[in-house]
Amino acid sequence: MEQSTQVRILDGDLETLGLQATLKMLALSGKTGALNVVSGQERLRITLENGHIIALEEPHLSPPDLIELFRLLGRIPPHLVMSIREFRGQPPAFQFPILLQANIVTPEEAQRYYEFGVTLAISRAVRWEHGRFDFHRGVTDMQARAGLTKPLNVDHILLDALRLADERDYAGGANFTRQTLARWAPRFQGDVRQLGLSPDEVNVLCLSNGQQPFYAIAYGLLLPEGRVAVAFQRLLDLGLVELVDAQFESELESSLINLLTKSQSQLAQSGRGAPDQRMLTLALTMGECVNDLLRRHRVYARALRGRSDISPTEINRYIESRFRPLLDRVLREYPRMDEIVRLSDGVVELQDIRSLNRVVRGQELIDCYWDAARLFFQLMKLVFQQVIADEAGQSRAGRQYEDLWVAFLREIEEEMRRLANRYEGSHA
């Protein structure tokens, strides 16, 4: 960032002087500097040079990752993906020279993206009715402009921005925020090719991987947000995508991490004591993990969350309908556990396993404990897979709990191998 002396020469409220009038005034007087606009949580910084726009930033948003968008659209040849991946996540101003050098975009297309990004941001801001602005004379932003483009005429940009804003309002784009995320629906079983999707809908579907927000999809496709909103709605109606609540899913992920951390801590205690006690501790650790998954599923299951009209009895019925078949499948492999392990009130009953030593002795008790450990190992994996599928659908970015889950399973498998050697030795 190269800056000269900054002098604030204008400030005010958007209620008094809106963005449109402010930009026109600065353009007519040929000002050079930076216009900062704030409305609630949203911010805009427009850099002018001799009354023309040379850069625009939205500090509250992550810049669209054009390389990733082009990769999802199949515009980047596979042999180039690895060589340019280090530039993913950079603002478009830093990505365009790479894309130009690789002949993925032309200079004319780079100019269109630059102009469209500016227009799209201003189309939102011209609707802001509350907030403040200030203009600092003598501020330049050569870094943002580097490698790009021609200065943009303010009147031309405002005309296109107002058109986009009107189109978005007419299309119902207000139903989606700029941060709205959509991802491919995991349960769709049909043939997408039979649905008669338009090219816009196909492209929006390609980018709806749960990581690209609404504004980035519009930018990547050079589509007005109103048309992206229409495509989003049709894909939702067809069951091809589902909306992602980022805050809710962060809570969901945090809950899973806490649950697995707790189970991992309990597992650390299973390595102590005689082999039969270690088998029991391991079985109970995995049984409690299963029950913790079932209890949290009462809150996070797609079919249940947000519904205050469901009674605890109905929730229990739902849990049993989803997970009893999994338990029955595993019990067929370990019939000794058939009368001992059962689903009751939405959780697996563990008391009979804890009290087995009162009714069973010697080798038969060890056999029961070993069957219980193996049963819960299989059941826990099945329940975890079902819970994730029901709550979160297909894979998302940053799945920290998956790494924790893999590490947890690895520790259990190591303990199971140690106990298997002891168990086989008891039968020698």
Protein backbone atom coordinates (compact mmCIF):
# COMPACT_ATOMS: atom_id res chain seq x y z
CA MET A 1 0.00 0.00 0.00
CA GLU A 2 1.43 3.30 -1.09
CA GLN A 3 -0.05 6.27 0.72
CA SER A 4 0.48 10.00 0.51
CA THR A 5 -0.71 12.57 3.02
CA GLN A 6 -4.27 11.77 4.11
CA VAL A 7 -6.72 14.62 4.63
CA ARG A 8 -10.35 14.00 5.46
CA ILE A 9 -12.37 16.46 3.38
CA LEU A 10 -15.85 14.91 3.59
CA ASP A 11 -17.94 12.86 6.00
CA GLY A 12 -21.58 12.39 6.82
CA ASP A 13 -24.57 10.08 7.32
CA LEU A 14 -25.99 7.87 4.60
CA GLU A 15 -29.49 9.03 5.64
CA THR A 16 -28.52 12.56 4.57
CA LEU A 17 -26.32 11.84 1.57
CA GLY A 18 -26.43 8.35 0.11
CA LEU A 19 -23.59 6.50 -1.59
CA GLN A 20 -24.86 7.26 -5.07
CA ALA A 21 -24.87 11.04 -4.55
CA THR A 22 -21.55 10.94 -2.73
CA LEU A 23 -19.79 9.04 -5.50
CA LYS A 24 -21.24 11.33 -8.17
CA MET A 25 -20.02 14.40 -6.31
CA LEU A 26 -16.49 13.00 -5.91
CA ALA A 27 -16.39 11.97 -9.56
CA LEU A 28 -17.55 15.35 -10.85
CA SER A 29 -14.88 17.13 -8.82
CA GLY A 30 -12.19 14.69 -10.02
CA LYS A 31 -11.11 13.70 -6.51
CA THR A 32 -8.29 11.28 -5.69
CA GLY A 33 -8.53 9.44 -2.40
CA ALA A 34 -10.41 6.75 -0.47
CA LEU A 35 -14.12 6.69 0.35
CA ASN A 36 -14.93 4.57 3.42
CA VAL A 37 -18.54 3.54 4.00
CA VAL A 38 -19.87 1.66 7.05
CA SER A 39 -23.39 0.30 7.53
CA GLY A 40 -23.84 -2.05 10.47
CA GLN A 41 -21.37 -4.91 10.03
CA GLU A 42 -20.77 -4.12 6.37
CA ARG A 43 -17.90 -1.97 5.14
CA LEU A 44 -16.79 -0.66 1.79
CA ARG A 45 -13.61 1.13 0.73
CA ILE A 46 -13.57 2.68 -2.74
CA THR A 47 -10.32 4.16 -4.03
CA LEU A 48 -10.65 6.95 -6.60
CA GLU A 49 -8.08 8.48 -8.92
CA ASN A 50 -9.08 11.69 -10.67
CA GLY A 51 -12.72 10.83 -10.05
CA HIS A 52 -12.48 7.27 -11.43
CA ILE A 53 -12.63 4.04 -9.43
CA ILE A 54 -9.32 2.19 -9.37
CA ALA A 55 -9.93 -0.24 -6.47
CA LEU A 56 -12.66 -1.51 -4.17
CA GLU A 57 -12.39 -3.55 -0.97
CA GLU A 58 -14.99 -5.12 1.30
CA PRO A 59 -13.03 -5.66 4.54
CA HIS A 60 -15.83 -7.65 6.20
CA LEU A 61 -15.79 -10.30 3.43
CA SER A 62 -13.17 -12.78 2.33
CA PRO A 63 -12.28 -12.04 -1.29
CA PRO A 64 -13.64 -14.54 -3.83
CA ASP A 65 -11.10 -17.25 -4.62
CA LEU A 66 -11.23 -17.19 -8.42
CA ILE A 67 -8.74 -20.04 -8.81
CA GLU A 68 -10.91 -22.35 -6.71
CA LEU A 69 -14.07 -21.21 -8.51
CA PHE A 70 -12.47 -21.90 -11.89
CA ARG A 71 -11.24 -25.28 -10.66
CA LEU A 72 -14.77 -26.31 -9.64
CA LEU A 73 -16.06 -25.19 -13.04
CA GLY A 74 -13.42 -27.27 -14.82
CA ARG A 75 -11.74 -24.25 -16.36
CA ILE A 76 -8.29 -25.08 -14.99
CA PRO A 77 -6.61 -28.11 -16.62
CA PRO A 78 -5.75 -30.83 -14.07
CA HIS A 79 -2.03 -30.56 -14.80
CA LEU A 80 -2.09 -26.87 -13.76
CA VAL A 81 -4.07 -27.26 -10.52
CA MET A 82 -1.06 -28.35 -8.46
CA SER A 83 1.27 -25.71 -9.88
CA ILE A 84 -1.01 -22.77 -9.00
CA ARG A 85 -2.61 -24.05 -5.80
CA GLU A 86 -0.26 -21.92 -3.68
CA PHE A 87 -2.11 -18.86 -4.98
CA ARG A 88 -5.54 -20.14 -3.88
CA GLY A 89 -7.14 -17.94 -1.25
CA GLN A 90 -5.43 -14.80 -2.55
CA PRO A 91 -7.55 -11.81 -3.66
CA PRO A 92 -8.40 -11.75 -7.38
CA ALA A 93 -5.92 -8.89 -7.96
CA PHE A 94 -3.10 -11.32 -7.10
CA GLN A 95 -4.65 -14.28 -8.94
CA PHE A 96 -5.31 -12.60 -12.27
CA PRO A 97 -1.62 -12.37 -13.33
CA ILE A 98 -1.33 -16.13 -12.71
CA LEU A 99 -4.51 -16.88 -14.65
CA LEU A 100 -3.42 -14.59 -17.46
CA GLN A 101 0.01 -16.20 -17.66
CA ALA A 102 -1.60 -19.66 -17.82
CA ASN A 103 -3.99 -18.48 -20.57
CA ILE A 104 -7.00 -19.38 -18.42
CA VAL A 105 -8.42 -15.88 -18.83
CA THR A 106 -7.85 -13.16 -21.39
CA PRO A 107 -7.04 -9.52 -20.53
CA GLU A 108 -10.56 -8.58 -21.64
CA GLU A 109 -12.08 -11.18 -19.32
CA ALA A 110 -9.92 -9.97 -16.42
CA GLN A 111 -11.25 -6.45 -17.01
CA ARG A 112 -14.84 -7.78 -17.01
CA TYR A 113 -14.29 -9.55 -13.69
CA TYR A 114 -12.73 -6.46 -12.17
CA GLU A 115 -15.59 -4.26 -13.31
CA PHE A 116 -18.26 -6.78 -12.34
CA GLY A 117 -16.80 -7.20 -8.82
CA VAL A 118 -16.89 -3.45 -8.27
CA THR A 119 -20.42 -3.18 -9.67
CA LEU A 120 -21.70 -6.08 -7.58
CA ALA A 121 -20.39 -4.58 -4.33
CA ILE A 122 -21.79 -1.13 -5.09
CA SER A 123 -25.15 -2.65 -6.08
CA ARG A 124 -25.49 -3.75 -2.46
CA ALA A 125 -24.17 -0.55 -0.94
CA VAL A 126 -26.50 1.77 -2.87
CA ARG A 127 -29.35 0.19 -0.89
CA TRP A 128 -27.78 1.05 2.48
CA GLU A 129 -30.00 3.57 4.24
CA HIS A 130 -28.17 3.80 7.56
CA GLY A 131 -24.51 4.29 8.30
CA ARG A 132 -21.66 6.75 7.83
CA PHE A 133 -19.05 7.63 5.25
CA ASP A 134 -15.85 9.65 5.08
CA PHE A 135 -13.50 10.57 2.25
CA HIS A 136 -9.76 10.99 2.68
CA ARG A 137 -7.99 12.94 -0.02
CA GLY A 138 -4.55 11.90 -1.17
CA VAL A 139 -4.86 8.15 -0.56
CA THR A 140 -3.72 5.87 -3.36
CA ASP A 141 -3.91 2.09 -3.59
CA MET A 142 -1.42 1.03 -6.22
CA GLN A 143 -1.11 -2.51 -4.87
CA ALA A 144 -4.81 -3.27 -5.40
CA ARG A 145 -4.61 -1.86 -8.90
CA ALA A 146 -1.39 -3.63 -9.84
CA GLY A 147 -1.67 -5.94 -12.83
CA LEU A 148 -5.27 -4.91 -13.51
CA THR A 149 -7.25 -2.90 -15.58
CA LYS A 150 -8.44 0.45 -16.55
CA PRO A 151 -10.00 2.99 -14.17
CA LEU A 152 -13.79 2.72 -14.06
CA ASN A 153 -16.22 5.49 -14.85
CA VAL A 154 -18.40 6.20 -11.80
CA ASP A 155 -21.56 7.00 -13.79
CA HIS A 156 -21.26 3.77 -15.76
CA ILE A 157 -20.70 1.70 -12.61
CA LEU A 158 -23.60 3.34 -10.77
CA LEU A 159 -25.96 2.73 -13.68
CA ASP A 160 -25.10 -0.98 -13.79
CA ALA A 161 -25.14 -1.23 -9.99
CA LEU A 162 -28.67 0.19 -9.78
CA ARG A 163 -29.81 -2.23 -12.48
CA LEU A 164 -28.37 -5.19 -10.55
CA ALA A 165 -29.96 -3.96 -7.31
CA ASP A 166 -33.38 -3.67 -8.99
CA GLU A 167 -33.01 -7.12 -10.55
CA ARG A 168 -32.04 -8.65 -7.22
CA ASP A 169 -34.99 -7.05 -5.43
CA TYR A 170 -37.39 -8.22 -8.13
CA ALA A 171 -36.02 -11.79 -8.09
CA GLY A 172 -36.33 -12.10 -4.32
CA GLY A 173 -32.59 -12.17 -3.74
CA ALA A 174 -33.20 -10.72 -0.29
CA ASN A 175 -34.09 -14.29 0.78
CA PHE A 176 -30.37 -15.06 0.65
CA THR A 177 -27.61 -13.12 2.34
CA ARG A 178 -24.25 -12.54 0.75
CA GLN A 179 -22.83 -15.16 3.13
CA THR A 180 -25.42 -17.84 2.29
CA LEU A 181 -23.80 -21.22 1.69
CA ALA A 182 -25.33 -24.15 -0.15
CA ARG A 183 -24.03 -27.68 -0.55
CA TRP A 184 -25.00 -30.71 -2.57
CA ALA A 185 -27.85 -32.62 -0.91
CA PRO A 186 -26.56 -36.01 0.25
CA ARG A 187 -29.84 -37.88 -0.25
CA PHE A 188 -30.56 -36.93 -3.85
CA GLN A 189 -31.02 -40.19 -5.78
CA GLY A 190 -32.16 -39.00 -9.22
CA ASP A 191 -30.37 -38.22 -12.46
CA VAL A 192 -29.49 -34.52 -12.64
CA ARG A 193 -29.39 -34.74 -16.44
CA GLN A 194 -33.12 -35.50 -16.48
CA LEU A 195 -34.11 -32.32 -14.63
CA GLY A 196 -33.75 -29.85 -17.50
CA LEU A 197 -31.46 -27.48 -15.63
CA SER A 198 -30.45 -24.26 -17.35
CA PRO A 199 -26.73 -23.48 -17.87
CA ASP A 200 -26.90 -20.98 -14.97
CA GLU A 201 -28.42 -23.61 -12.68
CA VAL A 202 -25.79 -26.19 -13.67
CA ASN A 203 -22.97 -23.74 -12.93
CA VAL A 204 -24.48 -22.68 -9.59
CA LEU A 205 -24.85 -26.37 -8.70
CA CYS A 206 -21.18 -27.01 -9.57
CA LEU A 207 -20.10 -24.25 -7.15
CA SER A 208 -22.49 -25.22 -4.34
CA ASN A 209 -19.98 -27.31 -2.39
CA GLY A 210 -20.71 -25.75 0.99
CA GLN A 211 -17.61 -23.55 0.83
CA GLN A 212 -18.44 -20.88 -1.75
CA PRO A 213 -20.74 -18.13 -0.39
CA PHE A 214 -23.51 -16.57 -2.45
CA TYR A 215 -21.50 -13.47 -3.38
CA ALA A 216 -18.51 -15.54 -4.55
CA ILE A 217 -20.70 -17.69 -6.80
CA ALA A 218 -22.22 -14.59 -8.37
CA TYR A 219 -18.75 -13.14 -8.94
CA GLY A 220 -17.26 -16.37 -10.30
CA LEU A 221 -20.07 -16.77 -12.84
CA LEU A 222 -20.34 -13.05 -13.70
CA LEU A 223 -24.03 -13.41 -12.83
CA PRO A 224 -26.27 -10.83 -11.17
CA GLU A 225 -27.15 -11.91 -7.65
CA GLY A 226 -30.83 -11.91 -8.63
CA ARG A 227 -30.20 -14.67 -11.17
CA VAL A 228 -28.09 -16.63 -8.71
CA ALA A 229 -30.96 -16.35 -6.20
CA VAL A 230 -33.41 -17.76 -8.77
CA ALA A 231 -31.03 -20.64 -9.53
CA PHE A 232 -30.48 -21.30 -5.82
CA GLN A 233 -34.21 -21.47 -5.21
CA ARG A 234 -34.82 -23.90 -8.07
CA LEU A 235 -32.00 -26.17 -6.89
CA LEU A 236 -33.48 -26.08 -3.38
CA ASP A 237 -36.95 -26.90 -4.69
CA LEU A 238 -35.54 -29.86 -6.64
CA GLY A 239 -33.72 -31.15 -3.56
CA LEU A 240 -30.32 -30.86 -5.25
CA VAL A 241 -28.81 -28.57 -2.63
CA GLU A 242 -29.42 -27.59 0.96
CA LEU A 243 -28.54 -24.38 2.75
CA VAL A 244 -25.76 -24.39 5.30
CA ASP A 245 -26.09 -22.54 8.58
CA ALA A 246 -22.41 -21.74 9.18
CA GLN A 247 -22.91 -20.68 12.81
CA PHE A 248 -25.00 -23.75 13.59
CA GLU A 249 -22.51 -26.08 11.94
CA SER A 250 -19.65 -24.50 13.86
CA GLU A 251 -21.60 -25.32 17.02
CA LEU A 252 -22.23 -28.83 15.71
CA GLU A 253 -18.54 -29.34 15.00
CA SER A 254 -17.53 -27.97 18.39
CA SER A 255 -19.99 -30.36 20.06
CA LEU A 256 -18.50 -33.34 18.23
CA ILE A 257 -14.96 -32.32 19.09
CA ASN A 258 -15.86 -32.03 22.79
CA LEU A 259 -17.58 -35.42 22.69
CA LEU A 260 -14.62 -37.15 21.06
CA THR A 261 -12.15 -35.45 23.38
CA LYS A 262 -14.12 -36.74 26.35
CA SER A 263 -14.17 -40.28 24.90
CA GLN A 264 -10.44 -40.13 24.18
CA SER A 265 -9.79 -39.13 27.79
CA GLN A 266 -11.89 -42.05 29.04
CA LEU A 267 -10.06 -44.39 26.70
CA ALA A 268 -6.77 -43.43 28.32
CA GLN A 269 -8.05 -45.05 31.55
CA SER A 270 -8.73 -48.42 29.87
CA GLY A 271 -5.06 -49.38 29.74
CA ARG A 272 -4.95 -49.96 33.48
CA GLY A 273 -5.91 -53.10 35.37
CA ALA A 274 -6.33 -56.79 34.54
CA PRO A 275 -7.30 -57.78 30.97
CA ASP A 276 -10.93 -58.51 31.88
CA GLN A 277 -11.29 -55.09 33.52
CA ARG A 278 -9.63 -53.43 30.54
CA MET A 279 -12.13 -55.14 28.23
CA LEU A 280 -14.99 -53.90 30.37
CA THR A 281 -13.63 -50.36 30.56
CA LEU A 282 -13.09 -50.30 26.79
CA ALA A 283 -16.61 -51.59 26.10
CA LEU A 284 -18.18 -49.04 28.46
CA THR A 285 -16.08 -46.21 26.97
CA MET A 286 -17.36 -47.00 23.50
CA GLY A 287 -20.90 -47.55 24.83
CA GLU A 288 -20.86 -44.11 26.45
CA CYS A 289 -19.53 -42.63 23.22
CA VAL A 290 -22.48 -44.18 21.36
CA ASN A 291 -24.90 -42.75 23.91
CA ASP A 292 -23.30 -39.31 23.76
CA LEU A 293 -23.73 -39.39 19.99
CA LEU A 294 -27.39 -40.38 20.37
CA ARG A 295 -28.06 -37.68 22.98
CA ARG A 296 -26.56 -34.91 20.88
CA HIS A 297 -28.41 -36.25 17.84
CA ARG A 298 -31.65 -35.35 19.61
CA VAL A 299 -30.55 -31.71 19.14
CA TYR A 300 -28.71 -31.77 15.81
CA ALA A 301 -30.60 -34.30 13.65
CA ARG A 302 -31.96 -32.54 10.57
CA ALA A 303 -35.42 -34.02 11.14
CA LEU A 304 -35.57 -32.73 14.73
CA ARG A 305 -33.64 -29.50 15.06
CA GLY A 306 -35.59 -26.32 15.50
CA ARG A 307 -38.86 -28.17 16.12
CA SER A 308 -40.33 -27.40 19.51
CA ASP A 309 -43.51 -29.34 18.72
CA ILE A 310 -41.89 -32.78 19.10
CA SER A 311 -42.37 -34.55 22.44
CA PRO A 312 -39.56 -36.54 24.11
CA THR A 313 -41.49 -39.73 23.31
CA GLU A 314 -41.56 -38.87 19.61
CA ILE A 315 -37.84 -38.05 19.69
CA ASN A 316 -37.11 -41.43 21.27
CA ARG A 317 -39.15 -43.13 18.56
CA TYR A 318 -37.18 -41.28 15.90
CA ILE A 319 -33.82 -42.24 17.48
CA GLU A 320 -34.85 -45.88 17.76
CA SER A 321 -36.13 -45.99 14.17
CA ARG A 322 -32.77 -44.69 12.91
CA PHE A 323 -30.42 -46.69 15.13
CA ARG A 324 -32.15 -49.90 16.25
CA PRO A 325 -31.50 -51.51 12.83
CA LEU A 326 -27.78 -50.81 13.32
CA LEU A 327 -27.81 -52.41 16.76
CA ASP A 328 -29.78 -55.42 15.50
CA ARG A 329 -27.27 -55.89 12.67
CA VAL A 330 -24.33 -55.99 15.09
CA LEU A 331 -26.16 -58.17 17.62
CA ARG A 332 -26.55 -60.88 14.97
CA GLU A 333 -22.75 -61.20 14.98
CA TYR A 334 -22.57 -61.39 18.79
CA PRO A 335 -25.67 -63.33 19.92
CA ARG A 336 -24.27 -63.67 23.45
CA MET A 337 -25.06 -59.96 23.86
CA ASP A 338 -28.65 -60.23 22.62
CA GLU A 339 -30.28 -60.07 26.05
CA ILE A 340 -27.68 -57.76 27.52
CA VAL A 341 -27.34 -54.81 25.10
CA ARG A 342 -30.58 -53.08 24.11
CA LEU A 343 -31.91 -49.67 23.08
CA SER A 344 -34.17 -48.02 25.65
CA ASP A 345 -35.48 -44.45 25.80
CA GLY A 346 -33.21 -43.37 22.96
CA VAL A 347 -29.94 -44.69 24.44
CA VAL A 348 -28.15 -48.02 24.74
CA GLU A 349 -28.69 -49.63 28.13
CA LEU A 350 -25.29 -50.37 29.72
CA GLN A 351 -26.23 -51.41 33.23
CA ASP A 352 -26.45 -55.13 32.44
CA ILE A 353 -22.87 -55.08 31.17
CA ARG A 354 -21.67 -53.34 34.34
CA SER A 355 -23.35 -56.01 36.50
CA LEU A 356 -22.33 -59.06 34.44
CA ASN A 357 -19.78 -60.14 37.05
CA ARG A 358 -22.64 -60.81 39.45
CA VAL A 359 -24.10 -63.56 37.29
CA VAL A 360 -21.18 -64.78 35.16
CA ARG A 361 -17.75 -65.99 36.27
CA GLY A 362 -14.40 -67.10 34.90
CA GLN A 363 -13.78 -67.61 31.21
CA GLU A 364 -17.43 -67.02 30.33
CA LEU A 365 -17.21 -63.51 31.85
CA ILE A 366 -14.09 -62.76 29.78
CA ASP A 367 -15.88 -64.05 26.66
CA CYS A 368 -18.82 -61.71 27.38
CA TYR A 369 -16.56 -58.71 27.94
CA TRP A 370 -14.66 -59.43 24.73
CA ASP A 371 -17.89 -59.75 22.72
CA ALA A 372 -19.14 -56.50 24.28
CA ALA A 373 -15.94 -54.66 23.29
CA ARG A 374 -16.12 -55.90 19.70
CA LEU A 375 -19.84 -55.20 19.46
CA PHE A 376 -19.50 -51.60 20.65
CA PHE A 377 -16.52 -51.02 18.39
CA GLN A 378 -18.63 -51.88 15.34
CA LEU A 379 -21.74 -50.14 16.66
CA MET A 380 -19.86 -46.95 17.48
CA LYS A 381 -18.49 -46.69 13.92
CA LEU A 382 -21.92 -47.30 12.41
CA VAL A 383 -23.63 -44.79 14.69
CA PHE A 384 -20.97 -42.14 14.01
CA GLN A 385 -21.39 -42.54 10.25
CA GLN A 386 -25.18 -42.34 10.52
CA VAL A 387 -25.07 -39.31 12.82
CA ILE A 388 -22.75 -37.39 10.49
CA ALA A 389 -24.86 -38.26 7.45
CA ASP A 390 -28.07 -37.18 9.21
CA GLU A 391 -26.64 -33.98 10.67
CA ALA A 392 -24.11 -32.59 8.25
CA GLY A 393 -24.47 -34.40 4.96
CA GLN A 394 -21.46 -34.58 2.69
CA SER A 395 -17.97 -33.50 3.58
CA ARG A 396 -17.28 -29.90 4.50
CA ALA A 397 -14.08 -27.93 4.80
CA GLY A 398 -12.10 -27.88 8.01
CA ARG A 399 -13.47 -31.06 9.49
CA GLN A 400 -11.28 -31.03 12.59
CA TYR A 401 -13.41 -33.67 14.26
CA GLU A 402 -12.63 -36.14 11.46
CA ASP A 403 -8.95 -36.05 12.36
CA LEU A 404 -9.85 -36.50 16.02
CA TRP A 405 -12.19 -39.38 15.14
CA VAL A 406 -9.48 -41.15 13.13
CA ALA A 407 -7.00 -40.74 15.99
CA PHE A 408 -9.60 -42.04 18.47
CA LEU A 409 -10.29 -45.11 16.32
CA ARG A 410 -6.58 -45.76 15.95
CA GLU A 411 -6.12 -45.79 19.74
CA ILE A 412 -9.06 -48.16 20.15
CA GLU A 413 -7.74 -50.50 17.46
CA GLU A 414 -4.36 -50.63 19.20
CA GLU A 415 -5.99 -51.45 22.52
CA MET A 416 -8.18 -54.07 20.83
CA ARG A 417 -5.09 -55.74 19.34
CA ARG A 418 -3.40 -55.87 22.73
CA LEU A 419 -6.51 -57.33 24.35
CA ALA A 420 -7.00 -59.82 21.49
CA ASN A 421 -3.57 -61.28 22.25
CA ARG A 422 -4.50 -61.62 25.92
CA TYR A 423 -7.89 -63.10 25.01
CA GLU A 424 -6.40 -65.67 22.65
CA GLY A 425 -3.84 -66.54 25.29
CA SER A 426 -6.62 -67.26 27.81
CA HIS A 427 -7.96 -69.93 25.41
CA ALA A 428 -4.58 -71.54 24.76
